[in-house]
Amino acid sequence: MTKISILGCGWLGLPLAKALIGTGFSIKGSTTSIEKLPILEFAGIEPFLISLHANEIEGNIVPFLENSEILIIDIPLKLRGNSNDPSATHRAEFVGKIRTLIPYIENSSIENVLFISSTSVYGEANTIITEETTPNPDTESGKQLFQAEQLLQNNRDFKTTIVRFGGLIGEDRHPIRFLSGRDNIDNPEAPINFIHQDDCIGIIQKIIETNCWGETFNAVSPFHPSRETYYTQKAIGLNLALPKFSHAKPSVGKTILSDKVETVLKYKFTRTTL
């Protein structure tokens, strides 16, 4: 039985772990919350309390990686509150975590790494984006994600596949709840680039199933209506106050294509209407 270690059993990592267990994998999962350990154990996950820092790792990282063939890294950046801090410590915190983690991966049984990244690495380009597009991050989170991607993919001791997800949505997570009733929202004609939690899990499962390592994938639903059209319809559907958009400035926004997911992985999106 193939063993997989999932570093970060949060909003995506926990249901992913459950799905992988359902298809016959043995899963080790980490959390930074001691209260969550019994939740992981109840789900059939071997639980570990692990916290990454720029200069150290708290918790039993060696047994967490031991005997696993695949490591899935799905940890949040948590840059809020630090974005205006000019210190190099805060600017490189996430990159430091990955740099600290890598020697443990090198000295473990891990052969393949799947790193959960974001389309924020492309910046706010006003164009069509594919995996051939050179990343040009213009936010701190995007810059750190791209540096982390490079650290992992340039390492020759294991193969790394990068999955750049668009905006994450699910039954309990949708941006309309934040935008509902707001006025003067910019970029009404910009396209949306979202992906449902179900498809996030499906794509990761397909990568593992097909042993597609050493690749980079954009993962965004092939459904790109304008922000104004989409959010208005979603607000009506959920009986929420309508958001109001401003057309004072020209709309700017990229369209993320995920053709490679469909052509290379042969994956069919299940939640295209979002």
Protein backbone atom coordinates (compact mmCIF):
# COMPACT_ATOMS: atom_id res chain seq x y z
CA MET A 1 0.00 0.00 0.00
CA THR A 2 1.42 3.38 -1.06
CA LYS A 3 1.87 5.79 1.84
CA ILE A 4 1.32 9.51 1.38
CA SER A 5 2.20 12.27 3.84
CA ILE A 6 0.05 15.40 3.67
CA LEU A 7 1.68 18.43 5.27
CA GLY A 8 -1.30 20.59 6.17
CA CYS A 9 -4.67 18.91 6.69
CA GLY A 10 -6.76 22.05 6.46
CA TRP A 11 -9.64 23.15 4.21
CA LEU A 12 -8.28 21.16 1.27
CA GLY A 13 -5.85 18.74 2.88
CA LEU A 14 -8.37 17.02 5.17
CA PRO A 15 -11.01 16.15 2.54
CA LEU A 16 -8.16 15.22 0.17
CA ALA A 17 -6.81 12.80 2.77
CA LYS A 18 -10.25 11.24 3.19
CA ALA A 19 -10.62 10.84 -0.58
CA LEU A 20 -7.19 9.20 -0.89
CA ILE A 21 -7.96 6.81 1.96
CA GLY A 22 -11.15 5.90 0.11
CA THR A 23 -9.09 4.81 -2.90
CA GLY A 24 -6.72 2.63 -0.89
CA PHE A 25 -3.85 4.88 0.19
CA SER A 26 -2.38 4.99 3.69
CA ILE A 27 -2.23 8.61 4.86
CA LYS A 28 -0.16 10.49 7.39
CA GLY A 29 -1.45 14.01 8.02
CA SER A 30 -0.17 17.02 9.89
CA THR A 31 -1.87 19.85 11.72
CA THR A 32 -0.64 22.76 13.81
CA SER A 33 -3.59 22.42 16.20
CA ILE A 34 -3.53 19.87 19.01
CA GLU A 35 -7.35 20.00 19.09
CA LYS A 36 -7.46 18.70 15.52
CA LEU A 37 -5.42 15.54 16.15
CA PRO A 38 -8.44 13.41 17.15
CA ILE A 39 -10.33 14.65 14.07
CA LEU A 40 -7.55 13.37 11.83
CA GLU A 41 -7.36 10.08 13.71
CA PHE A 42 -11.13 9.58 13.49
CA ALA A 43 -10.87 10.04 9.71
CA GLY A 44 -8.34 7.20 9.49
CA ILE A 45 -5.32 9.50 9.15
CA GLU A 46 -2.17 8.90 11.17
CA PRO A 47 -1.96 12.30 12.91
CA PHE A 48 1.12 14.43 13.53
CA LEU A 49 1.46 17.80 15.28
CA ILE A 50 3.94 19.71 13.12
CA SER A 51 4.66 23.41 12.76
CA LEU A 52 7.13 24.78 10.20
CA HIS A 53 9.19 27.87 10.90
CA ALA A 54 11.84 29.66 8.87
CA ASN A 55 14.67 28.19 10.97
CA GLU A 56 13.22 25.10 12.61
CA ILE A 57 10.45 22.51 12.55
CA GLU A 58 8.44 21.78 15.66
CA GLY A 59 7.15 18.22 15.85
CA ASN A 60 8.14 14.76 14.65
CA ILE A 61 8.93 15.52 11.02
CA VAL A 62 11.18 12.46 10.53
CA PRO A 63 8.54 9.80 11.38
CA PHE A 64 5.96 11.89 9.51
CA LEU A 65 7.95 11.41 6.29
CA GLU A 66 9.24 7.91 7.08
CA ASN A 67 8.17 5.15 4.68
CA SER A 68 6.06 7.53 2.57
CA GLU A 69 6.65 7.75 -1.17
CA ILE A 70 4.70 10.96 -1.79
CA LEU A 71 4.62 14.26 0.11
CA ILE A 72 1.82 16.75 -0.50
CA ILE A 73 2.63 20.25 0.77
CA ASP A 74 -0.48 22.33 1.42
CA ILE A 75 0.40 24.93 4.02
CA PRO A 76 -0.85 28.54 4.14
CA LEU A 77 1.47 31.50 3.76
CA LYS A 78 -0.08 33.46 6.65
CA LEU A 79 1.41 36.76 5.54
CA ARG A 80 -1.41 38.95 6.86
CA GLY A 81 -0.15 41.54 9.27
CA ASN A 82 3.37 41.16 7.88
CA SER A 83 2.87 42.51 4.37
CA ASN A 84 4.08 46.01 5.35
CA ASP A 85 6.95 44.77 7.46
CA PRO A 86 10.16 45.68 5.62
CA SER A 87 12.28 43.14 7.44
CA ALA A 88 13.82 40.32 5.44
CA THR A 89 12.63 37.88 8.11
CA HIS A 90 8.97 38.48 7.31
CA ARG A 91 9.54 38.84 3.57
CA ALA A 92 11.15 35.41 3.30
CA GLU A 93 9.25 33.54 6.03
CA PHE A 94 7.41 31.06 3.79
CA VAL A 95 10.45 30.45 1.59
CA GLY A 96 12.44 29.82 4.76
CA LYS A 97 9.95 27.17 5.85
CA ILE A 98 10.35 25.31 2.58
CA ARG A 99 14.13 25.68 2.68
CA THR A 100 14.15 24.23 6.21
CA LEU A 101 11.90 21.35 5.14
CA ILE A 102 13.91 20.27 2.08
CA PRO A 103 16.83 18.51 3.88
CA TYR A 104 14.30 16.34 5.72
CA ILE A 105 12.71 15.38 2.40
CA GLU A 106 16.15 14.62 0.94
CA ASN A 107 16.94 12.26 3.82
CA SER A 108 13.59 10.49 3.74
CA SER A 109 11.91 7.87 1.56
CA ILE A 110 9.98 10.58 -0.32
CA GLU A 111 10.37 10.21 -4.09
CA ASN A 112 7.74 12.67 -5.30
CA VAL A 113 6.42 15.98 -3.97
CA LEU A 114 3.18 17.71 -4.90
CA PHE A 115 3.26 21.40 -4.01
CA ILE A 116 0.01 23.36 -3.80
CA SER A 117 0.66 26.79 -5.27
CA SER A 118 -1.49 29.58 -6.71
CA THR A 119 -2.08 31.46 -9.96
CA SER A 120 -0.99 34.55 -8.02
CA VAL A 121 2.52 33.76 -9.26
CA TYR A 122 1.47 35.26 -12.62
CA GLY A 123 0.65 38.66 -11.17
CA GLU A 124 -2.11 40.90 -12.49
CA ALA A 125 -1.45 40.38 -16.17
CA ASN A 126 -4.18 41.48 -18.59
CA THR A 127 -3.82 38.52 -20.90
CA ILE A 128 -4.40 34.80 -21.39
CA ILE A 129 -2.23 32.67 -19.10
CA THR A 130 -0.94 29.14 -19.74
CA GLU A 131 1.80 27.11 -18.09
CA GLU A 132 4.16 28.51 -20.73
CA THR A 133 3.62 32.03 -19.39
CA THR A 134 6.57 33.28 -17.38
CA PRO A 135 5.48 34.01 -13.79
CA ASN A 136 5.69 37.66 -12.79
CA PRO A 137 4.35 37.88 -9.23
CA ASP A 138 3.46 41.35 -7.97
CA THR A 139 2.33 40.44 -4.44
CA GLU A 140 4.40 39.20 -1.52
CA SER A 141 2.50 35.92 -1.39
CA GLY A 142 2.96 35.35 -5.12
CA LYS A 143 6.69 36.07 -4.89
CA GLN A 144 7.20 33.65 -2.02
CA LEU A 145 5.15 30.92 -3.68
CA PHE A 146 7.19 31.20 -6.87
CA GLN A 147 10.48 31.07 -4.96
CA ALA A 148 9.23 28.00 -3.08
CA GLU A 149 8.22 26.36 -6.37
CA GLN A 150 11.73 26.88 -7.75
CA LEU A 151 13.43 25.54 -4.62
CA LEU A 152 11.43 22.31 -4.84
CA GLN A 153 11.54 21.76 -8.60
CA ASN A 154 15.27 22.47 -8.84
CA ASN A 155 16.07 19.79 -6.27
CA ARG A 156 17.34 16.58 -7.89
CA ASP A 157 16.75 14.31 -4.89
CA PHE A 158 13.03 14.12 -5.61
CA LYS A 159 10.56 15.10 -8.35
CA THR A 160 8.10 17.92 -7.74
CA THR A 161 4.83 18.66 -9.48
CA ILE A 162 3.39 22.13 -8.97
CA VAL A 163 -0.36 22.74 -9.01
CA ARG A 164 -1.32 26.40 -9.33
CA PHE A 165 -4.91 26.67 -8.19
CA GLY A 166 -7.15 29.62 -8.99
CA GLY A 167 -9.55 31.04 -6.42
CA LEU A 168 -10.71 28.23 -4.15
CA ILE A 169 -14.43 27.81 -3.59
CA GLY A 170 -16.59 25.16 -1.94
CA GLU A 171 -19.90 24.62 -0.20
CA ASP A 172 -18.61 26.52 2.85
CA ARG A 173 -16.36 28.98 1.04
CA HIS A 174 -17.38 31.56 -1.55
CA PRO A 175 -16.24 35.19 -2.13
CA ILE A 176 -19.80 36.42 -2.79
CA ARG A 177 -20.38 36.33 0.96
CA PHE A 178 -17.65 38.98 1.29
CA LEU A 179 -18.77 41.06 -1.72
CA SER A 180 -22.52 40.93 -1.04
CA GLY A 181 -23.96 44.43 -0.60
CA ARG A 182 -20.69 46.22 -1.29
CA ASP A 183 -20.52 49.29 -3.57
CA ASN A 184 -18.02 50.53 -6.17
CA ILE A 185 -16.33 47.19 -6.81
CA ASP A 186 -13.62 47.46 -9.47
CA ASN A 187 -13.01 45.31 -12.55
CA PRO A 188 -16.60 44.37 -13.42
CA GLU A 189 -15.63 42.92 -16.80
CA ALA A 190 -12.59 40.97 -15.56
CA PRO A 191 -12.95 37.18 -15.91
CA ILE A 192 -13.24 34.90 -12.90
CA ASN A 193 -10.64 32.16 -12.36
CA PHE A 194 -12.08 29.83 -9.74
CA ILE A 195 -11.92 26.13 -8.98
CA HIS A 196 -14.18 24.05 -6.77
CA GLN A 197 -12.78 21.96 -3.94
CA ASP A 198 -14.10 18.80 -5.64
CA ASP A 199 -11.98 19.47 -8.73
CA CYS A 200 -8.93 20.36 -6.62
CA ILE A 201 -9.14 16.90 -5.09
CA GLY A 202 -9.87 15.22 -8.40
CA ILE A 203 -6.85 16.79 -10.12
CA ILE A 204 -4.50 15.82 -7.29
CA GLN A 205 -5.83 12.25 -7.38
CA LYS A 206 -5.26 12.16 -11.15
CA ILE A 207 -1.64 13.32 -10.78
CA ILE A 208 -0.98 10.54 -8.27
CA GLU A 209 -2.88 7.95 -10.32
CA THR A 210 -0.92 8.73 -13.49
CA ASN A 211 2.47 9.27 -11.77
CA CYS A 212 2.73 12.67 -13.42
CA TRP A 213 5.74 14.12 -11.63
CA GLY A 214 8.09 16.94 -12.52
CA GLU A 215 5.26 18.95 -14.11
CA THR A 216 3.49 22.25 -13.57
CA PHE A 217 -0.28 22.61 -13.95
CA ASN A 218 -2.68 25.51 -13.85
CA ALA A 219 -5.88 24.33 -12.20
CA VAL A 220 -8.84 26.62 -12.87
CA SER A 221 -12.33 25.74 -14.01
CA PRO A 222 -12.90 26.38 -17.77
CA PHE A 223 -15.66 28.85 -16.89
CA HIS A 224 -14.76 32.54 -17.15
CA PRO A 225 -17.79 34.87 -17.06
CA SER A 226 -17.23 38.47 -15.99
CA ARG A 227 -17.04 39.26 -12.30
CA GLU A 228 -20.19 41.38 -12.48
CA THR A 229 -22.23 38.69 -14.24
CA TYR A 230 -20.98 35.89 -12.04
CA TYR A 231 -21.29 37.59 -8.65
CA THR A 232 -24.69 39.08 -9.47
CA GLN A 233 -26.08 35.68 -10.45
CA LYS A 234 -24.51 34.02 -7.41
CA ALA A 235 -25.98 36.65 -5.06
CA ILE A 236 -29.43 36.13 -6.55
CA GLY A 237 -29.08 32.36 -6.25
CA LEU A 238 -28.12 32.60 -2.57
CA ASN A 239 -30.66 35.34 -1.80
CA LEU A 240 -27.95 37.81 -0.79
CA ALA A 241 -27.73 41.56 -1.29
CA LEU A 242 -26.43 42.35 -4.76
CA PRO A 243 -22.88 43.67 -5.14
CA LYS A 244 -22.59 46.93 -7.08
CA PHE A 245 -19.76 47.39 -9.56
CA SER A 246 -18.06 50.53 -10.79
CA HIS A 247 -17.44 51.03 -14.52
CA ALA A 248 -15.43 54.22 -14.00
CA LYS A 249 -12.16 52.52 -14.93
CA PRO A 250 -11.37 49.96 -17.64
CA SER A 251 -11.44 46.39 -16.33
CA VAL A 252 -8.18 44.49 -16.13
CA GLY A 253 -7.77 40.79 -15.48
CA LYS A 254 -6.08 37.63 -16.68
CA THR A 255 -7.76 34.49 -18.01
CA ILE A 256 -6.12 31.32 -16.69
CA LEU A 257 -6.29 28.34 -19.03
CA SER A 258 -6.08 24.79 -17.68
CA ASP A 259 -5.90 22.97 -21.02
CA LYS A 260 -2.86 20.98 -19.84
CA VAL A 261 -4.90 19.40 -17.03
CA GLU A 262 -7.34 18.11 -19.63
CA THR A 263 -4.82 17.08 -22.30
CA VAL A 264 -2.00 15.62 -20.18
CA LEU A 265 -3.93 14.28 -17.20
CA LYS A 266 -7.10 13.55 -19.22
CA TYR A 267 -9.03 15.13 -16.36
CA LYS A 268 -12.63 16.25 -16.86
CA PHE A 269 -13.83 19.07 -14.64
CA THR A 270 -16.90 18.11 -12.63
CA ARG A 271 -17.92 21.56 -11.32
CA THR A 272 -17.74 23.80 -14.40
CA THR A 273 -20.65 26.11 -13.49
CA LEU A 274 -19.41 26.86 -9.95
